[in-house]
Amino acid sequence: MPVISERTTDPPKPESPVADVKPDIVIGQRVFTNQCSKCHDLPDPAKYNTERWDGILRTMIPRAGISRVNEVHVTAYVKANAKSN
């Protein structure tokens, strides 16, 4: 079996499955409303600033089972409606 002892170039990095997804706040609002309300009352996006939402979304998106594509939309919706810093 051949062994690569040296590389002249790095192997290509895998492309992100969401690299070509354009954020859509209408879809984001729909997913936010449908998914997040299953477990708790919906928070008003204007309650927190974008920095605080980053932490909340990082925790809640996996818990809610939101897909990577819908994560883009939900994040866009929440940040578009977040409290100004």
PDB file of N, CA and C in Angstrom:
ATOM      1  N   MET A   1       0.843  -1.168   0.000  1.00  0.00           N
ATOM      2  CA  MET A   1       0.000   0.000   0.000  1.00  0.00           C
ATOM      3  C   MET A   1       0.894   1.239   0.000  1.00  0.00           C
ATOM      4  N   PRO A   2       0.633   2.196  -0.887  1.00  0.00           N
ATOM      5  CA  PRO A   2       1.467   3.400  -0.941  1.00  0.00           C
ATOM      6  C   PRO A   2       1.248   4.282   0.288  1.00  0.00           C
ATOM      7  N   VAL A   3       2.302   4.975   0.674  1.00  0.00           N
ATOM      8  CA  VAL A   3       2.257   5.883   1.816  1.00  0.00           C
ATOM      9  C   VAL A   3       2.683   7.258   1.352  1.00  0.00           C
ATOM     10  N   ILE A   4       1.929   8.278   1.746  1.00  0.00           N
ATOM     11  CA  ILE A   4       2.290   9.655   1.407  1.00  0.00           C
ATOM     12  C   ILE A   4       3.225  10.159   2.496  1.00  0.00           C
ATOM     13  N   SER A   5       4.465  10.408   2.126  1.00  0.00           N
ATOM     14  CA  SER A   5       5.427  10.873   3.124  1.00  0.00           C
ATOM     15  C   SER A   5       5.500  12.394   3.172  1.00  0.00           C
ATOM     16  N   GLU A   6       5.198  13.060   2.067  1.00  0.00           N
ATOM     17  CA  GLU A   6       5.199  14.524   2.020  1.00  0.00           C
ATOM     18  C   GLU A   6       4.047  14.998   1.146  1.00  0.00           C
ATOM     19  N   ARG A   7       3.514  16.121   1.510  1.00  0.00           N
ATOM     20  CA  ARG A   7       2.466  16.732   0.689  1.00  0.00           C
ATOM     21  C   ARG A   7       3.026  17.994   0.052  1.00  0.00           C
ATOM     22  N   THR A   8       2.699  18.189  -1.201  1.00  0.00           N
ATOM     23  CA  THR A   8       3.106  19.424  -1.857  1.00  0.00           C
ATOM     24  C   THR A   8       1.990  20.465  -1.761  1.00  0.00           C
ATOM     25  N   THR A   9       0.754  19.987  -1.601  1.00  0.00           N
ATOM     26  CA  THR A   9      -0.381  20.892  -1.400  1.00  0.00           C
ATOM     27  C   THR A   9      -1.308  20.273  -0.370  1.00  0.00           C
ATOM     28  N   ASP A  10      -2.074  21.118   0.297  1.00  0.00           N
ATOM     29  CA  ASP A  10      -3.050  20.616   1.263  1.00  0.00           C
ATOM     30  C   ASP A  10      -4.259  20.062   0.530  1.00  0.00           C
ATOM     31  N   PRO A  11      -4.881  19.036   1.088  1.00  0.00           N
ATOM     32  CA  PRO A  11      -6.096  18.512   0.461  1.00  0.00           C
ATOM     33  C   PRO A  11      -7.204  19.556   0.541  1.00  0.00           C
ATOM     34  N   PRO A  12      -8.135  19.542  -0.404  1.00  0.00           N
ATOM     35  CA  PRO A  12      -9.213  20.535  -0.366  1.00  0.00           C
ATOM     36  C   PRO A  12     -10.084  20.345   0.873  1.00  0.00           C
ATOM     37  N   LYS A  13     -10.521  21.448   1.423  1.00  0.00           N
ATOM     38  CA  LYS A  13     -11.399  21.395   2.591  1.00  0.00           C
ATOM     39  C   LYS A  13     -12.812  21.078   2.125  1.00  0.00           C
ATOM     40  N   PRO A  14     -13.538  20.291   2.909  1.00  0.00           N
ATOM     41  CA  PRO A  14     -14.924  20.001   2.519  1.00  0.00           C
ATOM     42  C   PRO A  14     -15.755  21.282   2.551  1.00  0.00           C
ATOM     43  N   GLU A  15     -16.637  21.394   1.594  1.00  0.00           N
ATOM     44  CA  GLU A  15     -17.488  22.579   1.536  1.00  0.00           C
ATOM     45  C   GLU A  15     -18.573  22.496   2.587  1.00  0.00           C
ATOM     46  N   SER A  16     -18.911  23.648   3.120  1.00  0.00           N
ATOM     47  CA  SER A  16     -19.970  23.723   4.121  1.00  0.00           C
ATOM     48  C   SER A  16     -21.309  23.490   3.446  1.00  0.00           C
ATOM     49  N   PRO A  17     -22.188  22.685   4.055  1.00  0.00           N
ATOM     50  CA  PRO A  17     -23.492  22.447   3.435  1.00  0.00           C
ATOM     51  C   PRO A  17     -24.367  23.696   3.400  1.00  0.00           C
ATOM     52  N   VAL A  18     -24.008  24.714   4.155  1.00  0.00           N
ATOM     53  CA  VAL A  18     -24.824  25.930   4.191  1.00  0.00           C
ATOM     54  C   VAL A  18     -24.140  27.104   3.512  1.00  0.00           C
ATOM     55  N   ALA A  19     -23.028  26.850   2.822  1.00  0.00           N
ATOM     56  CA  ALA A  19     -22.273  27.929   2.208  1.00  0.00           C
ATOM     57  C   ALA A  19     -23.097  28.725   1.191  1.00  0.00           C
ATOM     58  N   ASP A  20     -23.992  28.075   0.492  1.00  0.00           N
ATOM     59  CA  ASP A  20     -24.763  28.740  -0.558  1.00  0.00           C
ATOM     60  C   ASP A  20     -26.172  29.136  -0.127  1.00  0.00           C
ATOM     61  N   VAL A  21     -26.480  29.003   1.151  1.00  0.00           N
ATOM     62  CA  VAL A  21     -27.816  29.330   1.638  1.00  0.00           C
ATOM     63  C   VAL A  21     -27.916  30.825   1.886  1.00  0.00           C
ATOM     64  N   LYS A  22     -28.893  31.462   1.247  1.00  0.00           N
ATOM     65  CA  LYS A  22     -29.142  32.882   1.489  1.00  0.00           C
ATOM     66  C   LYS A  22     -30.084  33.000   2.676  1.00  0.00           C
ATOM     67  N   PRO A  23     -29.689  33.755   3.707  1.00  0.00           N
ATOM     68  CA  PRO A  23     -30.558  33.916   4.875  1.00  0.00           C
ATOM     69  C   PRO A  23     -31.908  34.510   4.475  1.00  0.00           C
ATOM     70  N   ASP A  24     -32.972  33.930   4.983  1.00  0.00           N
ATOM     71  CA  ASP A  24     -34.322  34.392   4.705  1.00  0.00           C
ATOM     72  C   ASP A  24     -35.041  34.562   6.046  1.00  0.00           C
ATOM     73  N   ILE A  25     -35.323  35.827   6.406  1.00  0.00           N
ATOM     74  CA  ILE A  25     -35.906  36.079   7.722  1.00  0.00           C
ATOM     75  C   ILE A  25     -37.359  35.619   7.815  1.00  0.00           C
ATOM     76  N   VAL A  26     -38.064  35.507   6.696  1.00  0.00           N
ATOM     77  CA  VAL A  26     -39.441  34.999   6.722  1.00  0.00           C
ATOM     78  C   VAL A  26     -39.432  33.520   7.105  1.00  0.00           C
ATOM     79  N   ILE A  27     -38.549  32.758   6.476  1.00  0.00           N
ATOM     80  CA  ILE A  27     -38.409  31.347   6.838  1.00  0.00           C
ATOM     81  C   ILE A  27     -37.916  31.250   8.275  1.00  0.00           C
ATOM     82  N   GLY A  28     -36.963  32.101   8.638  1.00  0.00           N
ATOM     83  CA  GLY A  28     -36.426  32.099   9.990  1.00  0.00           C
ATOM     84  C   GLY A  28     -37.492  32.331  11.041  1.00  0.00           C
ATOM     85  N   GLN A  29     -38.398  33.261  10.778  1.00  0.00           N
ATOM     86  CA  GLN A  29     -39.482  33.528  11.734  1.00  0.00           C
ATOM     87  C   GLN A  29     -40.396  32.313  11.850  1.00  0.00           C
ATOM     88  N   ARG A  30     -40.689  31.679  10.736  1.00  0.00           N
ATOM     89  CA  ARG A  30     -41.565  30.508  10.740  1.00  0.00           C
ATOM     90  C   ARG A  30     -40.934  29.364  11.546  1.00  0.00           C
ATOM     91  N   VAL A  31     -39.657  29.104  11.306  1.00  0.00           N
ATOM     92  CA  VAL A  31     -38.967  28.026  12.026  1.00  0.00           C
ATOM     93  C   VAL A  31     -38.865  28.376  13.507  1.00  0.00           C
ATOM     94  N   PHE A  32     -38.502  29.613  13.815  1.00  0.00           N
ATOM     95  CA  PHE A  32     -38.399  30.082  15.199  1.00  0.00           C
ATOM     96  C   PHE A  32     -39.732  29.878  15.920  1.00  0.00           C
ATOM     97  N   THR A  33     -40.802  30.305  15.295  1.00  0.00           N
ATOM     98  CA  THR A  33     -42.124  30.196  15.903  1.00  0.00           C
ATOM     99  C   THR A  33     -42.532  28.730  16.100  1.00  0.00           C
ATOM    100  N   ASN A  34     -42.357  27.925  15.072  1.00  0.00           N
ATOM    101  CA  ASN A  34     -42.795  26.522  15.146  1.00  0.00           C
ATOM    102  C   ASN A  34     -41.931  25.669  16.064  1.00  0.00           C
ATOM    103  N   GLN A  35     -40.628  25.805  15.977  1.00  0.00           N
ATOM    104  CA  GLN A  35     -39.734  24.938  16.740  1.00  0.00           C
ATOM    105  C   GLN A  35     -39.601  25.385  18.198  1.00  0.00           C
ATOM    106  N   CYS A  36     -39.386  26.663  18.416  1.00  0.00           N
ATOM    107  CA  CYS A  36     -39.096  27.138  19.770  1.00  0.00           C
ATOM    108  C   CYS A  36     -40.321  27.092  20.678  1.00  0.00           C
ATOM    109  N   SER A  37     -41.491  27.265  20.093  1.00  0.00           N
ATOM    110  CA  SER A  37     -42.705  27.259  20.910  1.00  0.00           C
ATOM    111  C   SER A  37     -43.120  25.855  21.347  1.00  0.00           C
ATOM    112  N   LYS A  38     -42.467  24.831  20.827  1.00  0.00           N
ATOM    113  CA  LYS A  38     -42.791  23.470  21.246  1.00  0.00           C
ATOM    114  C   LYS A  38     -42.435  23.229  22.705  1.00  0.00           C
ATOM    115  N   CYS A  39     -41.400  23.930  23.188  1.00  0.00           N
ATOM    116  CA  CYS A  39     -40.904  23.675  24.548  1.00  0.00           C
ATOM    117  C   CYS A  39     -41.117  24.830  25.522  1.00  0.00           C
ATOM    118  N   HIS A  40     -41.273  26.046  25.014  1.00  0.00           N
ATOM    119  CA  HIS A  40     -41.415  27.189  25.910  1.00  0.00           C
ATOM    120  C   HIS A  40     -42.060  28.358  25.183  1.00  0.00           C
ATOM    121  N   ASP A  41     -42.445  29.372  25.941  1.00  0.00           N
ATOM    122  CA  ASP A  41     -42.979  30.588  25.337  1.00  0.00           C
ATOM    123  C   ASP A  41     -41.896  31.224  24.478  1.00  0.00           C
ATOM    124  N   LEU A  42     -42.328  31.859  23.402  1.00  0.00           N
ATOM    125  CA  LEU A  42     -41.363  32.491  22.511  1.00  0.00           C
ATOM    126  C   LEU A  42     -40.816  33.772  23.128  1.00  0.00           C
ATOM    127  N   PRO A  43     -39.500  33.911  23.161  1.00  0.00           N
ATOM    128  CA  PRO A  43     -38.943  35.178  23.615  1.00  0.00           C
ATOM    129  C   PRO A  43     -39.052  36.215  22.502  1.00  0.00           C
ATOM    130  N   ASP A  44     -39.168  37.447  22.871  1.00  0.00           N
ATOM    131  CA  ASP A  44     -39.154  38.538  21.908  1.00  0.00           C
ATOM    132  C   ASP A  44     -37.707  38.716  21.459  1.00  0.00           C
ATOM    133  N   PRO A  45     -37.418  38.625  20.153  1.00  0.00           N
ATOM    134  CA  PRO A  45     -36.037  38.791  19.708  1.00  0.00           C
ATOM    135  C   PRO A  45     -35.414  40.119  20.156  1.00  0.00           C
ATOM    136  N   ALA A  46     -36.242  41.154  20.340  1.00  0.00           N
ATOM    137  CA  ALA A  46     -35.727  42.461  20.753  1.00  0.00           C
ATOM    138  C   ALA A  46     -35.333  42.495  22.235  1.00  0.00           C
ATOM    139  N   LYS A  47     -35.579  41.411  22.947  1.00  0.00           N
ATOM    140  CA  LYS A  47     -35.234  41.370  24.368  1.00  0.00           C
ATOM    141  C   LYS A  47     -33.723  41.330  24.583  1.00  0.00           C
ATOM    142  N   TYR A  48     -32.980  40.736  23.635  1.00  0.00           N
ATOM    143  CA  TYR A  48     -31.531  40.570  23.769  1.00  0.00           C
ATOM    144  C   TYR A  48     -30.814  41.178  22.570  1.00  0.00           C
ATOM    145  N   ASN A  49     -29.546  41.536  22.776  1.00  0.00           N
ATOM    146  CA  ASN A  49     -28.740  42.035  21.661  1.00  0.00           C
ATOM    147  C   ASN A  49     -28.154  40.843  20.894  1.00  0.00           C
ATOM    148  N   THR A  50     -27.511  41.124  19.773  1.00  0.00           N
ATOM    149  CA  THR A  50     -27.010  40.043  18.907  1.00  0.00           C
ATOM    150  C   THR A  50     -25.953  39.194  19.605  1.00  0.00           C
ATOM    151  N   GLU A  51     -25.137  39.804  20.434  1.00  0.00           N
ATOM    152  CA  GLU A  51     -24.106  39.037  21.146  1.00  0.00           C
ATOM    153  C   GLU A  51     -24.744  38.017  22.085  1.00  0.00           C
ATOM    154  N   ARG A  52     -25.765  38.443  22.808  1.00  0.00           N
ATOM    155  CA  ARG A  52     -26.458  37.532  23.729  1.00  0.00           C
ATOM    156  C   ARG A  52     -27.175  36.428  22.942  1.00  0.00           C
ATOM    157  N   TRP A  53     -27.768  36.790  21.795  1.00  0.00           N
ATOM    158  CA  TRP A  53     -28.444  35.793  20.965  1.00  0.00           C
ATOM    159  C   TRP A  53     -27.477  34.733  20.453  1.00  0.00           C
ATOM    160  N   ASP A  54     -26.224  35.118  20.178  1.00  0.00           N
ATOM    161  CA  ASP A  54     -25.239  34.123  19.723  1.00  0.00           C
ATOM    162  C   ASP A  54     -25.140  32.981  20.729  1.00  0.00           C
ATOM    163  N   GLY A  55     -25.046  33.311  22.005  1.00  0.00           N
ATOM    164  CA  GLY A  55     -24.958  32.290  23.040  1.00  0.00           C
ATOM    165  C   GLY A  55     -26.230  31.475  23.172  1.00  0.00           C
ATOM    166  N   ILE A  56     -27.363  32.153  23.116  1.00  0.00           N
ATOM    167  CA  ILE A  56     -28.647  31.454  23.227  1.00  0.00           C
ATOM    168  C   ILE A  56     -28.834  30.492  22.059  1.00  0.00           C
ATOM    169  N   LEU A  57     -28.588  30.965  20.855  1.00  0.00           N
ATOM    170  CA  LEU A  57     -28.782  30.129  19.669  1.00  0.00           C
ATOM    171  C   LEU A  57     -27.814  28.950  19.646  1.00  0.00           C
ATOM    172  N   ARG A  58     -26.594  29.169  20.091  1.00  0.00           N
ATOM    173  CA  ARG A  58     -25.605  28.096  20.124  1.00  0.00           C
ATOM    174  C   ARG A  58     -26.090  26.940  21.005  1.00  0.00           C
ATOM    175  N   THR A  59     -26.803  27.272  22.063  1.00  0.00           N
ATOM    176  CA  THR A  59     -27.331  26.253  22.971  1.00  0.00           C
ATOM    177  C   THR A  59     -28.649  25.661  22.470  1.00  0.00           C
ATOM    178  N   MET A  60     -29.549  26.514  22.009  1.00  0.00           N
ATOM    179  CA  MET A  60     -30.909  26.083  21.724  1.00  0.00           C
ATOM    180  C   MET A  60     -31.105  25.430  20.348  1.00  0.00           C
ATOM    181  N   ILE A  61     -30.355  25.816  19.355  1.00  0.00           N
ATOM    182  CA  ILE A  61     -30.545  25.246  18.015  1.00  0.00           C
ATOM    183  C   ILE A  61     -30.354  23.721  18.021  1.00  0.00           C
ATOM    184  N   PRO A  62     -29.293  23.203  18.635  1.00  0.00           N
ATOM    185  CA  PRO A  62     -29.181  21.732  18.676  1.00  0.00           C
ATOM    186  C   PRO A  62     -30.298  21.080  19.491  1.00  0.00           C
ATOM    187  N   ARG A  63     -30.693  21.699  20.589  1.00  0.00           N
ATOM    188  CA  ARG A  63     -31.766  21.141  21.421  1.00  0.00           C
ATOM    189  C   ARG A  63     -33.080  21.061  20.653  1.00  0.00           C
ATOM    190  N   ALA A  64     -33.324  22.062  19.812  1.00  0.00           N
ATOM    191  CA  ALA A  64     -34.575  22.114  19.051  1.00  0.00           C
ATOM    192  C   ALA A  64     -34.536  21.239  17.809  1.00  0.00           C
ATOM    193  N   GLY A  65     -33.375  20.696  17.493  1.00  0.00           N
ATOM    194  CA  GLY A  65     -33.266  19.841  16.311  1.00  0.00           C
ATOM    195  C   GLY A  65     -33.395  20.616  15.013  1.00  0.00           C
ATOM    196  N   ILE A  66     -32.950  21.850  15.016  1.00  0.00           N
ATOM    197  CA  ILE A  66     -33.038  22.695  13.825  1.00  0.00           C
ATOM    198  C   ILE A  66     -31.884  22.343  12.894  1.00  0.00           C
ATOM    199  N   SER A  67     -32.200  22.155  11.619  1.00  0.00           N
ATOM    200  CA  SER A  67     -31.188  21.772  10.632  1.00  0.00           C
ATOM    201  C   SER A  67     -30.193  22.909  10.408  1.00  0.00           C
ATOM    202  N   ARG A  68     -29.060  22.573   9.800  1.00  0.00           N
ATOM    203  CA  ARG A  68     -28.033  23.590   9.521  1.00  0.00           C
ATOM    204  C   ARG A  68     -28.573  24.674   8.593  1.00  0.00           C
ATOM    205  N   VAL A  69     -29.368  24.283   7.619  1.00  0.00           N
ATOM    206  CA  VAL A  69     -29.941  25.264   6.693  1.00  0.00           C
ATOM    207  C   VAL A  69     -30.902  26.188   7.441  1.00  0.00           C
ATOM    208  N   ASN A  70     -31.791  25.615   8.243  1.00  0.00           N
ATOM    209  CA  ASN A  70     -32.731  26.452   8.992  1.00  0.00           C
ATOM    210  C   ASN A  70     -32.044  27.263  10.077  1.00  0.00           C
ATOM    211  N   GLU A  71     -30.903  26.813  10.542  1.00  0.00           N
ATOM    212  CA  GLU A  71     -30.106  27.593  11.496  1.00  0.00           C
ATOM    213  C   GLU A  71     -29.721  28.940  10.886  1.00  0.00           C
ATOM    214  N   VAL A  72     -29.377  28.931   9.617  1.00  0.00           N
ATOM    215  CA  VAL A  72     -29.026  30.179   8.923  1.00  0.00           C
ATOM    216  C   VAL A  72     -30.216  31.132   8.934  1.00  0.00           C
ATOM    217  N   HIS A  73     -31.394  30.615   8.659  1.00  0.00           N
ATOM    218  CA  HIS A  73     -32.592  31.448   8.597  1.00  0.00           C
ATOM    219  C   HIS A  73     -33.009  31.960   9.973  1.00  0.00           C
ATOM    220  N   VAL A  74     -32.999  31.081  10.964  1.00  0.00           N
ATOM    221  CA  VAL A  74     -33.388  31.491  12.323  1.00  0.00           C
ATOM    222  C   VAL A  74     -32.422  32.546  12.850  1.00  0.00           C
ATOM    223  N   THR A  75     -31.149  32.329  12.644  1.00  0.00           N
ATOM    224  CA  THR A  75     -30.148  33.296  13.102  1.00  0.00           C
ATOM    225  C   THR A  75     -30.365  34.643  12.431  1.00  0.00           C
ATOM    226  N   ALA A  76     -30.638  34.647  11.141  1.00  0.00           N
ATOM    227  CA  ALA A  76     -30.886  35.906  10.427  1.00  0.00           C
ATOM    228  C   ALA A  76     -32.121  36.608  10.979  1.00  0.00           C
ATOM    229  N   TYR A  77     -33.184  35.850  11.227  1.00  0.00           N
ATOM    230  CA  TYR A  77     -34.415  36.440  11.762  1.00  0.00           C
ATOM    231  C   TYR A  77     -34.183  37.060  13.134  1.00  0.00           C
ATOM    232  N   VAL A  78     -33.571  36.305  14.018  1.00  0.00           N
ATOM    233  CA  VAL A  78     -33.371  36.785  15.387  1.00  0.00           C
ATOM    234  C   VAL A  78     -32.465  38.014  15.391  1.00  0.00           C
ATOM    235  N   LYS A  79     -31.394  37.964  14.641  1.00  0.00           N
ATOM    236  CA  LYS A  79     -30.445  39.093  14.638  1.00  0.00           C
ATOM    237  C   LYS A  79     -31.024  40.326  13.957  1.00  0.00           C
ATOM    238  N   ALA A  80     -31.890  40.123  12.974  1.00  0.00           N
ATOM    239  CA  ALA A  80     -32.530  41.270  12.318  1.00  0.00           C
ATOM    240  C   ALA A  80     -33.492  41.979  13.261  1.00  0.00           C
ATOM    241  N   ASN A  81     -33.975  41.266  14.261  1.00  0.00           N
ATOM    242  CA  ASN A  81     -34.950  41.832  15.190  1.00  0.00           C
ATOM    243  C   ASN A  81     -34.410  42.010  16.614  1.00  0.00           C
ATOM    244  N   ALA A  82     -33.108  41.804  16.785  1.00  0.00           N
ATOM    245  CA  ALA A  82     -32.487  41.905  18.105  1.00  0.00           C
ATOM    246  C   ALA A  82     -32.381  43.360  18.552  1.00  0.00           C
ATOM    247  N   LYS A  83     -32.229  43.511  19.865  1.00  0.00           N
ATOM    248  CA  LYS A  83     -32.038  44.835  20.461  1.00  0.00           C
ATOM    249  C   LYS A  83     -30.739  45.435  19.938  1.00  0.00           C
ATOM    250  N   SER A  84     -30.743  46.713  19.647  1.00  0.00           N
ATOM    251  CA  SER A  84     -29.537  47.387  19.208  1.00  0.00           C
ATOM    252  C   SER A  84     -28.519  47.410  20.345  1.00  0.00           C
ATOM    253  N   ASN A  85     -27.258  47.221  19.986  1.00  0.00           N
ATOM    254  CA  ASN A  85     -26.202  47.218  21.018  1.00  0.00           C
ATOM    255  C   ASN A  85     -25.991  48.559  21.630  1.00  0.00           C
TER     256      ASN A  85
END
